[in-house]
C-alpha atoms as a PDB file:
ATOM      1  CA  UNK A   1     137.695 115.463 -61.657  1.00  0.00           C
ATOM      2  CA  UNK A   2     139.635 116.984 -64.683  1.00  0.00           C
ATOM      3  CA  UNK A   3     141.101 113.670 -65.665  1.00  0.00           C
ATOM      4  CA  UNK A   4     137.684 112.183 -65.828  1.00  0.00           C
ATOM      5  CA  UNK A   5     136.363 114.998 -68.132  1.00  0.00           C
ATOM      6  CA  UNK A   6     139.482 114.740 -70.312  1.00  0.00           C
ATOM      7  CA  UNK A   7     138.896 110.885 -70.641  1.00  0.00           C
ATOM      8  CA  UNK A   8     135.296 111.459 -71.449  1.00  0.00           C
ATOM      9  CA  UNK A   9     136.130 114.053 -74.095  1.00  0.00           C
ATOM     10  CA  UNK A  10     138.591 111.891 -75.777  1.00  0.00           C
ATOM     11  CA  UNK A  11     136.204 108.854 -75.870  1.00  0.00           C
ATOM     12  CA  UNK A  12     133.608 111.066 -77.562  1.00  0.00           C
ATOM     13  CA  UNK A  13     136.146 112.263 -80.135  1.00  0.00           C
ATOM     14  CA  UNK A  14     137.785 108.954 -80.801  1.00  0.00           C
ATOM     15  CA  UNK A  15     135.187 107.645 -83.295  1.00  0.00           C
ATOM     16  CA  UNK A  16     135.677 110.786 -85.457  1.00  0.00           C
ATOM     17  CA  UNK A  17     139.311 110.196 -85.663  1.00  0.00           C
ATOM     18  CA  UNK A  18     138.524 107.100 -87.679  1.00  0.00           C
ATOM     19  CA  UNK A  19     135.612 108.380 -89.619  1.00  0.00           C
ATOM     20  CA  UNK A  20     135.902 108.695 -93.358  1.00  0.00           C
ATOM     21  CA  UNK A  21     134.603 111.166 -95.994  1.00  0.00           C
ATOM     22  CA  UNK A  22     132.210 110.231 -98.825  1.00  0.00           C
ATOM     23  CA  UNK A  23     132.355 112.633-101.897  1.00  0.00           C
ATOM     24  CA  UNK A  24     129.351 112.148-104.115  1.00  0.00           C
ATOM     25  CA  UNK A  25     129.483 113.187-107.778  1.00  0.00           C
ATOM     26  CA  UNK A  26     126.107 113.333-109.421  1.00  0.00           C
ATOM     27  CA  UNK A  27     126.188 113.308-113.173  1.00  0.00           C
ATOM     28  CA  UNK A  28     123.516 113.792-115.827  1.00  0.00           C
ATOM     29  CA  UNK A  29     121.751 116.580-113.918  1.00  0.00           C
ATOM     30  CA  UNK A  30     119.542 117.935-116.636  1.00  0.00           C
ATOM     31  CA  UNK A  31     118.805 121.401-115.179  1.00  0.00           C
ATOM     32  CA  UNK A  32     119.673 123.837-112.467  1.00  0.00           C
ATOM     33  CA  UNK A  33     115.996 123.730-111.193  1.00  0.00           C
ATOM     34  CA  UNK A  34     115.216 122.197-107.814  1.00  0.00           C
ATOM     35  CA  UNK A  35     117.625 120.185-105.656  1.00  0.00           C
ATOM     36  CA  UNK A  36     119.556 117.057-105.790  1.00  0.00           C
ATOM     37  CA  UNK A  37     118.522 114.891-102.777  1.00  0.00           C
ATOM     38  CA  UNK A  38     121.195 112.542-101.519  1.00  0.00           C
ATOM     39  CA  UNK A  39     120.691 109.928 -98.795  1.00  0.00           C
ATOM     40  CA  UNK A  40     123.453 107.763 -97.466  1.00  0.00           C
ATOM     41  CA  UNK A  41     122.366 104.415 -95.861  1.00  0.00           C
ATOM     42  CA  UNK A  42     123.966 101.801 -93.847  1.00  0.00           C
ATOM     43  CA  UNK A  43     120.678  99.770 -93.368  1.00  0.00           C
ATOM     44  CA  UNK A  44     119.494  97.584 -96.151  1.00  0.00           C
ATOM     45  CA  UNK A  45     115.970  97.595 -94.782  1.00  0.00           C
ATOM     46  CA  UNK A  46     115.581 101.258 -95.284  1.00  0.00           C
ATOM     47  CA  UNK A  47     117.475 101.558 -98.577  1.00  0.00           C
ATOM     48  CA  UNK A  48     116.648 103.288-100.973  1.00  0.00           C
ATOM     49  CA  UNK A  49     113.266 104.744-100.118  1.00  0.00           C
ATOM     50  CA  UNK A  50     113.066 105.504 -96.435  1.00  0.00           C
ATOM     51  CA  UNK A  51     115.320 108.613 -96.134  1.00  0.00           C
ATOM     52  CA  UNK A  52     114.403 108.929 -92.550  1.00  0.00           C
ATOM     53  CA  UNK A  53     116.552 105.768 -91.949  1.00  0.00           C
ATOM     54  CA  UNK A  54     119.582 107.326 -93.621  1.00  0.00           C
ATOM     55  CA  UNK A  55     122.101 108.627 -91.131  1.00  0.00           C
ATOM     56  CA  UNK A  56     123.441 111.156 -93.676  1.00  0.00           C
ATOM     57  CA  UNK A  57     121.231 113.300 -95.940  1.00  0.00           C
ATOM     58  CA  UNK A  58     121.728 116.302 -98.164  1.00  0.00           C
ATOM     59  CA  UNK A  59     119.622 118.637-100.144  1.00  0.00           C
ATOM     60  CA  UNK A  60     121.922 120.388-102.741  1.00  0.00           C
ATOM     61  CA  UNK A  61     121.081 123.055-105.132  1.00  0.00           C
ATOM     62  CA  UNK A  62     121.016 121.304-108.572  1.00  0.00           C
ATOM     63  CA  UNK A  63     123.797 122.329-110.939  1.00  0.00           C
ATOM     64  CA  UNK A  64     123.837 120.917-114.491  1.00  0.00           C
ATOM     65  CA  UNK A  65     125.469 118.814-115.713  1.00  0.00           C
ATOM     66  CA  UNK A  66     127.197 117.707-112.430  1.00  0.00           C
ATOM     67  CA  UNK A  67     126.350 118.359-108.784  1.00  0.00           C
ATOM     68  CA  UNK A  68     128.726 117.330-105.974  1.00  0.00           C
ATOM     69  CA  UNK A  69     128.472 116.993-102.203  1.00  0.00           C
ATOM     70  CA  UNK A  70     130.795 115.628 -99.526  1.00  0.00           C
ATOM     71  CA  UNK A  71     129.651 113.894 -96.286  1.00  0.00           C
ATOM     72  CA  UNK A  72     132.240 114.236 -93.588  1.00  0.00           C
ATOM     73  CA  UNK A  73     132.595 112.015 -90.579  1.00  0.00           C
ATOM     74  CA  UNK A  74     131.084 108.932 -92.019  1.00  0.00           C
ATOM     75  CA  UNK A  75     131.670 105.827 -89.855  1.00  0.00           C
ATOM     76  CA  UNK A  76     133.699 103.096 -91.444  1.00  0.00           C
ATOM     77  CA  UNK A  77     131.459 100.241 -92.776  1.00  0.00           C
ATOM     78  CA  UNK A  78     129.240  99.367 -95.745  1.00  0.00           C
ATOM     79  CA  UNK A  79     127.003 102.167 -97.169  1.00  0.00           C
ATOM     80  CA  UNK A  80     124.885 102.786-100.084  1.00  0.00           C
ATOM     81  CA  UNK A  81     123.613 106.049-101.724  1.00  0.00           C
ATOM     82  CA  UNK A  82     120.203 106.889-103.201  1.00  0.00           C
ATOM     83  CA  UNK A  83     119.975 110.020-105.200  1.00  0.00           C
ATOM     84  CA  UNK A  84     117.252 111.866-107.121  1.00  0.00           C
ATOM     85  CA  UNK A  85     116.865 115.158-108.850  1.00  0.00           C
ATOM     86  CA  UNK A  86     113.906 116.917-107.250  1.00  0.00           C
ATOM     87  CA  UNK A  87     113.198 118.930-110.346  1.00  0.00           C
ATOM     88  CA  UNK A  88     110.120 120.727-108.895  1.00  0.00           C
ATOM     89  CA  UNK A  89     111.762 121.470-105.488  1.00  0.00           C
ATOM     90  CA  UNK A  90     109.012 119.922-103.422  1.00  0.00           C
ATOM     91  CA  UNK A  91     111.323 117.747-101.349  1.00  0.00           C
ATOM     92  CA  UNK A  92     109.681 114.501-102.661  1.00  0.00           C
ATOM     93  CA  UNK A  93     110.308 111.976-105.402  1.00  0.00           C
ATOM     94  CA  UNK A  94     107.368 112.376-107.819  1.00  0.00           C
ATOM     95  CA  UNK A  95     105.873 109.175-109.055  1.00  0.00           C
ATOM     96  CA  UNK A  96     103.338 108.343-111.740  1.00  0.00           C
ATOM     97  CA  UNK A  97      99.882 107.844-110.268  1.00  0.00           C
ATOM     98  CA  UNK A  98      98.830 104.447-111.769  1.00  0.00           C
ATOM     99  CA  UNK A  99     102.062 102.631-111.286  1.00  0.00           C
ATOM    100  CA  UNK A 100     104.586 103.881-108.728  1.00  0.00           C
ATOM    101  CA  UNK A 101     107.363 104.582-111.178  1.00  0.00           C
ATOM    102  CA  UNK A 102     109.522 107.659-110.451  1.00  0.00           C
ATOM    103  CA  UNK A 103     108.835 110.731-112.694  1.00  0.00           C
ATOM    104  CA  UNK A 104     112.117 112.382-111.655  1.00  0.00           C
ATOM    105  CA  UNK A 105     115.671 111.294-112.509  1.00  0.00           C
ATOM    106  CA  UNK A 106     117.264 109.045-109.957  1.00  0.00           C
ATOM    107  CA  UNK A 107     120.250 106.857-109.250  1.00  0.00           C
ATOM    108  CA  UNK A 108     122.208 104.779-106.760  1.00  0.00           C
ATOM    109  CA  UNK A 109     125.802 104.233-105.873  1.00  0.00           C
ATOM    110  CA  UNK A 110     127.639 101.825-108.170  1.00  0.00           C
ATOM    111  CA  UNK A 111     124.956 102.911-110.542  1.00  0.00           C
ATOM    112  CA  UNK A 112     122.918  99.863-109.370  1.00  0.00           C
ATOM    113  CA  UNK A 113     119.645  99.341-111.080  1.00  0.00           C
ATOM    114  CA  UNK A 114     116.591  97.408-109.920  1.00  0.00           C
ATOM    115  CA  UNK A 115     114.547  94.939-111.823  1.00  0.00           C
ATOM    116  CA  UNK A 116     110.888  95.513-111.503  1.00  0.00           C
ATOM    117  CA  UNK A 117     111.516  97.710-108.412  1.00  0.00           C
ATOM    118  CA  UNK A 118     114.285  99.690-106.664  1.00  0.00           C
ATOM    119  CA  UNK A 119     117.895  98.680-106.629  1.00  0.00           C
ATOM    120  CA  UNK A 120     119.088  96.208-103.868  1.00  0.00           C
ATOM    121  CA  UNK A 121     121.387  97.490-101.096  1.00  0.00           C
ATOM    122  CA  UNK A 122     123.904  94.773-101.952  1.00  0.00           C
ATOM    123  CA  UNK A 123     124.206  96.047-105.547  1.00  0.00           C
ATOM    124  CA  UNK A 124     124.689  99.619-104.450  1.00  0.00           C
ATOM    125  CA  UNK A 125     126.936  99.005-101.478  1.00  0.00           C
ATOM    126  CA  UNK A 126     130.524 100.311-101.077  1.00  0.00           C
ATOM    127  CA  UNK A 127     133.044 100.348 -98.216  1.00  0.00           C
ATOM    128  CA  UNK A 128     133.977 103.408 -96.341  1.00  0.00           C
ATOM    129  CA  UNK A 129     137.260 103.397 -94.434  1.00  0.00           C
ATOM    130  CA  UNK A 130     139.119 106.165 -92.474  1.00  0.00           C
ATOM    131  CA  UNK A 131     140.024 107.993 -95.672  1.00  0.00           C
ATOM    132  CA  UNK A 132     138.185 109.601 -98.529  1.00  0.00           C
ATOM    133  CA  UNK A 133     135.876 107.663-100.860  1.00  0.00           C
ATOM    134  CA  UNK A 134     134.240 108.957-104.030  1.00  0.00           C
ATOM    135  CA  UNK A 135     131.153 107.661-105.563  1.00  0.00           C
ATOM    136  CA  UNK A 136     129.826 108.761-109.048  1.00  0.00           C
ATOM    137  CA  UNK A 137     126.168 108.382-109.676  1.00  0.00           C
ATOM    138  CA  UNK A 138     124.624 108.887-113.076  1.00  0.00           C
ATOM    139  CA  UNK A 139     121.072 109.862-112.894  1.00  0.00           C
ATOM    140  CA  UNK A 140     118.574 108.359-115.244  1.00  0.00           C
ATOM    141  CA  UNK A 141     114.758 108.361-115.868  1.00  0.00           C
ATOM    142  CA  UNK A 142     112.750 105.163-115.857  1.00  0.00           C
END
C-alpha cells in the first residue's frame, strides 16, 4: 500500500517540478488608490475580458509608479496577461456608458494594443517554461 501512495504523491507533484514562474511588473500606475487586477490566461477565447477563465488571477494593492506580482507554479505553455488599475477598488473595470470604452487604465502583456476593441491573444502571447519569466506591462488610458 505504501508504494502505491508514494507513487501517487510523486505523480501529483511531478507537474509542479516543471512549472515556471511569471513575474509581472506593472508600470505607469498613477496612484496608490484601489488595486491592480492581473489575470493570466492560456485560453484565447477568454482573453482578455473573461477573468473567470483565467487560471491565475491576482488583486494587488496599487503602488505608484510600479506594482509587481509573481505567479508561482505556472504550467509551461503559451500565456497572455490582462491588467487594469481598479482605481475605485470596486473589483470591476469601469467603462463609459454610451460606448463600452474602459475608463480605468489597462494593459496587456507585450504591451499589445487592440484596434477598435481589445488586444488579441496572439499579440499578447508569451511562452512560459520551467524557469522564471518576466513581463512588463505599461498601463494606458483609452
